[in-house]
Amino acid sequence: MNEVIGIAIGFGIGAACRKLDIPCPAPPHLMGAMIVVSITAGFVLCQWILA
């Protein structure tokens, strides 16, 4: 459930940044975005393993 909420919040922040024309708090290049995704996936995986 937390993952779904996190993804929804992420999409909401991205949409708001695009609509309000403010800089998005994420890297604009694919490699930077993949780093953010991998950090998030590592965090979620570690949380799942420890639970």
PDB file of N, CA and C in Angstrom:
ATOM      1  N   MET A   1       0.823  -1.198   0.000  1.00  0.00           N
ATOM      2  CA  MET A   1       0.000   0.000   0.000  1.00  0.00           C
ATOM      3  C   MET A   1       0.865   1.258   0.000  1.00  0.00           C
ATOM      4  N   ASN A   2       1.963   1.243   0.771  1.00  0.00           N
ATOM      5  CA  ASN A   2       2.840   2.413   0.816  1.00  0.00           C
ATOM      6  C   ASN A   2       3.455   2.711  -0.545  1.00  0.00           C
ATOM      7  N   GLU A   3       3.776   1.656  -1.306  1.00  0.00           N
ATOM      8  CA  GLU A   3       4.352   1.851  -2.625  1.00  0.00           C
ATOM      9  C   GLU A   3       3.381   2.554  -3.554  1.00  0.00           C
ATOM     10  N   VAL A   4       2.120   2.165  -3.495  1.00  0.00           N
ATOM     11  CA  VAL A   4       1.097   2.773  -4.346  1.00  0.00           C
ATOM     12  C   VAL A   4       0.929   4.247  -3.985  1.00  0.00           C
ATOM     13  N   ILE A   5       0.904   4.550  -2.706  1.00  0.00           N
ATOM     14  CA  ILE A   5       0.782   5.939  -2.265  1.00  0.00           C
ATOM     15  C   ILE A   5       1.997   6.740  -2.726  1.00  0.00           C
ATOM     16  N   GLY A   6       3.189   6.161  -2.602  1.00  0.00           N
ATOM     17  CA  GLY A   6       4.407   6.842  -3.033  1.00  0.00           C
ATOM     18  C   GLY A   6       4.416   7.131  -4.519  1.00  0.00           C
ATOM     19  N   ILE A   7       3.991   6.162  -5.322  1.00  0.00           N
ATOM     20  CA  ILE A   7       3.931   6.363  -6.770  1.00  0.00           C
ATOM     21  C   ILE A   7       2.902   7.437  -7.117  1.00  0.00           C
ATOM     22  N   ALA A   8       1.749   7.406  -6.457  1.00  0.00           N
ATOM     23  CA  ALA A   8       0.718   8.415  -6.718  1.00  0.00           C
ATOM     24  C   ALA A   8       1.213   9.814  -6.356  1.00  0.00           C
ATOM     25  N   ILE A   9       1.906   9.932  -5.231  1.00  0.00           N
ATOM     26  CA  ILE A   9       2.440  11.234  -4.830  1.00  0.00           C
ATOM     27  C   ILE A   9       3.502  11.693  -5.831  1.00  0.00           C
ATOM     28  N   GLY A  10       4.345  10.771  -6.267  1.00  0.00           N
ATOM     29  CA  GLY A  10       5.366  11.111  -7.256  1.00  0.00           C
ATOM     30  C   GLY A  10       4.767  11.619  -8.558  1.00  0.00           C
ATOM     31  N   PHE A  11       3.751  10.932  -9.056  1.00  0.00           N
ATOM     32  CA  PHE A  11       3.095  11.383 -10.276  1.00  0.00           C
ATOM     33  C   PHE A  11       2.403  12.728 -10.052  1.00  0.00           C
ATOM     34  N   GLY A  12       1.812  12.903  -8.879  1.00  0.00           N
ATOM     35  CA  GLY A  12       1.154  14.176  -8.573  1.00  0.00           C
ATOM     36  C   GLY A  12       2.130  15.336  -8.539  1.00  0.00           C
ATOM     37  N   ILE A  13       3.289  15.126  -7.923  1.00  0.00           N
ATOM     38  CA  ILE A  13       4.308  16.176  -7.867  1.00  0.00           C
ATOM     39  C   ILE A  13       4.820  16.480  -9.275  1.00  0.00           C
ATOM     40  N   GLY A  14       5.070  15.443 -10.062  1.00  0.00           N
ATOM     41  CA  GLY A  14       5.526  15.649 -11.432  1.00  0.00           C
ATOM     42  C   GLY A  14       4.511  16.416 -12.273  1.00  0.00           C
ATOM     43  N   ALA A  15       3.245  16.060 -12.139  1.00  0.00           N
ATOM     44  CA  ALA A  15       2.196  16.755 -12.897  1.00  0.00           C
ATOM     45  C   ALA A  15       2.067  18.205 -12.450  1.00  0.00           C
ATOM     46  N   ALA A  16       2.152  18.436 -11.146  1.00  0.00           N
ATOM     47  CA  ALA A  16       2.056  19.809 -10.640  1.00  0.00           C
ATOM     48  C   ALA A  16       3.238  20.650 -11.111  1.00  0.00           C
ATOM     49  N   CYS A  17       4.433  20.068 -11.100  1.00  0.00           N
ATOM     50  CA  CYS A  17       5.611  20.803 -11.577  1.00  0.00           C
ATOM     51  C   CYS A  17       5.470  21.152 -13.050  1.00  0.00           C
ATOM     52  N   ARG A  18       4.942  20.229 -13.839  1.00  0.00           N
ATOM     53  CA  ARG A  18       4.758  20.490 -15.269  1.00  0.00           C
ATOM     54  C   ARG A  18       3.694  21.563 -15.491  1.00  0.00           C
ATOM     55  N   LYS A  19       2.576  21.455 -14.784  1.00  0.00           N
ATOM     56  CA  LYS A  19       1.471  22.393 -14.981  1.00  0.00           C
ATOM     57  C   LYS A  19       1.832  23.801 -14.511  1.00  0.00           C
ATOM     58  N   LEU A  20       2.535  23.908 -13.379  1.00  0.00           N
ATOM     59  CA  LEU A  20       2.890  25.215 -12.829  1.00  0.00           C
ATOM     60  C   LEU A  20       4.201  25.753 -13.398  1.00  0.00           C
ATOM     61  N   ASP A  21       4.841  24.986 -14.281  1.00  0.00           N
ATOM     62  CA  ASP A  21       6.081  25.387 -14.949  1.00  0.00           C
ATOM     63  C   ASP A  21       7.185  25.737 -13.938  1.00  0.00           C
ATOM     64  N   ILE A  22       7.338  24.875 -12.935  1.00  0.00           N
ATOM     65  CA  ILE A  22       8.430  25.030 -11.982  1.00  0.00           C
ATOM     66  C   ILE A  22       9.398  23.861 -12.184  1.00  0.00           C
ATOM     67  N   PRO A  23      10.659  24.038 -11.823  1.00  0.00           N
ATOM     68  CA  PRO A  23      11.622  22.950 -12.035  1.00  0.00           C
ATOM     69  C   PRO A  23      11.227  21.688 -11.271  1.00  0.00           C
ATOM     70  N   CYS A  24      11.286  20.590 -11.966  1.00  0.00           N
ATOM     71  CA  CYS A  24      10.954  19.304 -11.354  1.00  0.00           C
ATOM     72  C   CYS A  24      12.099  18.863 -10.445  1.00  0.00           C
ATOM     73  N   PRO A  25      11.801  18.320  -9.274  1.00  0.00           N
ATOM     74  CA  PRO A  25      12.867  17.898  -8.352  1.00  0.00           C
ATOM     75  C   PRO A  25      13.476  16.548  -8.717  1.00  0.00           C
ATOM     76  N   ALA A  26      13.632  16.302 -10.005  1.00  0.00           N
ATOM     77  CA  ALA A  26      14.231  15.055 -10.484  1.00  0.00           C
ATOM     78  C   ALA A  26      15.101  15.374 -11.695  1.00  0.00           C
ATOM     79  N   PRO A  27      16.089  14.559 -11.970  1.00  0.00           N
ATOM     80  CA  PRO A  27      16.951  14.818 -13.120  1.00  0.00           C
ATOM     81  C   PRO A  27      16.191  14.687 -14.441  1.00  0.00           C
ATOM     82  N   PRO A  28      16.457  15.581 -15.396  1.00  0.00           N
ATOM     83  CA  PRO A  28      15.717  15.550 -16.657  1.00  0.00           C
ATOM     84  C   PRO A  28      16.230  14.507 -17.662  1.00  0.00           C
ATOM     85  N   HIS A  29      17.385  13.898 -17.406  1.00  0.00           N
ATOM     86  CA  HIS A  29      17.952  12.931 -18.345  1.00  0.00           C
ATOM     87  C   HIS A  29      17.616  11.515 -17.913  1.00  0.00           C
ATOM     88  N   LEU A  30      17.609  10.606 -18.870  1.00  0.00           N
ATOM     89  CA  LEU A  30      17.219   9.218 -18.600  1.00  0.00           C
ATOM     90  C   LEU A  30      18.132   8.561 -17.571  1.00  0.00           C
ATOM     91  N   MET A  31      19.441   8.778 -17.678  1.00  0.00           N
ATOM     92  CA  MET A  31      20.364   8.138 -16.738  1.00  0.00           C
ATOM     93  C   MET A  31      20.121   8.631 -15.309  1.00  0.00           C
ATOM     94  N   GLY A  32      19.890   9.907 -15.138  1.00  0.00           N
ATOM     95  CA  GLY A  32      19.596  10.445 -13.805  1.00  0.00           C
ATOM     96  C   GLY A  32      18.291   9.894 -13.253  1.00  0.00           C
ATOM     97  N   ALA A  33      17.297   9.774 -14.124  1.00  0.00           N
ATOM     98  CA  ALA A  33      16.013   9.220 -13.691  1.00  0.00           C
ATOM     99  C   ALA A  33      16.158   7.756 -13.298  1.00  0.00           C
ATOM    100  N   MET A  34      17.001   7.010 -14.023  1.00  0.00           N
ATOM    101  CA  MET A  34      17.217   5.604 -13.674  1.00  0.00           C
ATOM    102  C   MET A  34      17.934   5.469 -12.326  1.00  0.00           C
ATOM    103  N   ILE A  35      18.808   6.410 -12.006  1.00  0.00           N
ATOM    104  CA  ILE A  35      19.457   6.394 -10.694  1.00  0.00           C
ATOM    105  C   ILE A  35      18.420   6.577  -9.595  1.00  0.00           C
ATOM    106  N   VAL A  36      17.494   7.516  -9.789  1.00  0.00           N
ATOM    107  CA  VAL A  36      16.439   7.741  -8.797  1.00  0.00           C
ATOM    108  C   VAL A  36      15.572   6.493  -8.661  1.00  0.00           C
ATOM    109  N   VAL A  37      15.231   5.858  -9.779  1.00  0.00           N
ATOM    110  CA  VAL A  37      14.415   4.638  -9.750  1.00  0.00           C
ATOM    111  C   VAL A  37      15.154   3.520  -9.025  1.00  0.00           C
ATOM    112  N   SER A  38      16.446   3.375  -9.286  1.00  0.00           N
ATOM    113  CA  SER A  38      17.190   2.290  -8.644  1.00  0.00           C
ATOM    114  C   SER A  38      17.346   2.534  -7.147  1.00  0.00           C
ATOM    115  N   ILE A  39      17.534   3.781  -6.734  1.00  0.00           N
ATOM    116  CA  ILE A  39      17.608   4.086  -5.300  1.00  0.00           C
ATOM    117  C   ILE A  39      16.275   3.760  -4.637  1.00  0.00           C
ATOM    118  N   THR A  40      15.182   4.148  -5.281  1.00  0.00           N
ATOM    119  CA  THR A  40      13.859   3.866  -4.728  1.00  0.00           C
ATOM    120  C   THR A  40      13.602   2.363  -4.660  1.00  0.00           C
ATOM    121  N   ALA A  41      13.966   1.649  -5.721  1.00  0.00           N
ATOM    122  CA  ALA A  41      13.771   0.196  -5.733  1.00  0.00           C
ATOM    123  C   ALA A  41      14.608  -0.470  -4.642  1.00  0.00           C
ATOM    124  N   GLY A  42      15.831  -0.011  -4.441  1.00  0.00           N
ATOM    125  CA  GLY A  42      16.663  -0.557  -3.373  1.00  0.00           C
ATOM    126  C   GLY A  42      16.063  -0.310  -2.006  1.00  0.00           C
ATOM    127  N   PHE A  43      15.520   0.882  -1.798  1.00  0.00           N
ATOM    128  CA  PHE A  43      14.884   1.206  -0.525  1.00  0.00           C
ATOM    129  C   PHE A  43      13.678   0.308  -0.280  1.00  0.00           C
ATOM    130  N   VAL A  44      12.828   0.155  -1.299  1.00  0.00           N
ATOM    131  CA  VAL A  44      11.633  -0.677  -1.150  1.00  0.00           C
ATOM    132  C   VAL A  44      12.013  -2.140  -0.928  1.00  0.00           C
ATOM    133  N   LEU A  45      12.998  -2.638  -1.672  1.00  0.00           N
ATOM    134  CA  LEU A  45      13.429  -4.019  -1.526  1.00  0.00           C
ATOM    135  C   LEU A  45      14.002  -4.278  -0.133  1.00  0.00           C
ATOM    136  N   CYS A  46      14.820  -3.358   0.347  1.00  0.00           N
ATOM    137  CA  CYS A  46      15.403  -3.522   1.681  1.00  0.00           C
ATOM    138  C   CYS A  46      14.326  -3.487   2.762  1.00  0.00           C
ATOM    139  N   GLN A  47      13.338  -2.594   2.588  1.00  0.00           N
ATOM    140  CA  GLN A  47      12.239  -2.528   3.546  1.00  0.00           C
ATOM    141  C   GLN A  47      11.453  -3.843   3.541  1.00  0.00           C
ATOM    142  N   TRP A  48      11.256  -4.423   2.358  1.00  0.00           N
ATOM    143  CA  TRP A  48      10.511  -5.673   2.236  1.00  0.00           C
ATOM    144  C   TRP A  48      11.292  -6.819   2.880  1.00  0.00           C
ATOM    145  N   ILE A  49      12.619  -6.842   2.681  1.00  0.00           N
ATOM    146  CA  ILE A  49      13.440  -7.911   3.255  1.00  0.00           C
ATOM    147  C   ILE A  49      13.462  -7.823   4.773  1.00  0.00           C
ATOM    148  N   LEU A  50      13.560  -6.632   5.307  1.00  0.00           N
ATOM    149  CA  LEU A  50      13.659  -6.455   6.756  1.00  0.00           C
ATOM    150  C   LEU A  50      12.310  -6.659   7.462  1.00  0.00           C
ATOM    151  N   ALA A  51      11.208  -6.566   6.720  1.00  0.00           N
ATOM    152  CA  ALA A  51       9.881  -6.702   7.349  1.00  0.00           C
ATOM    153  C   ALA A  51       9.520  -8.126   7.638  1.00  0.00           C
TER     154      ALA A  51
END
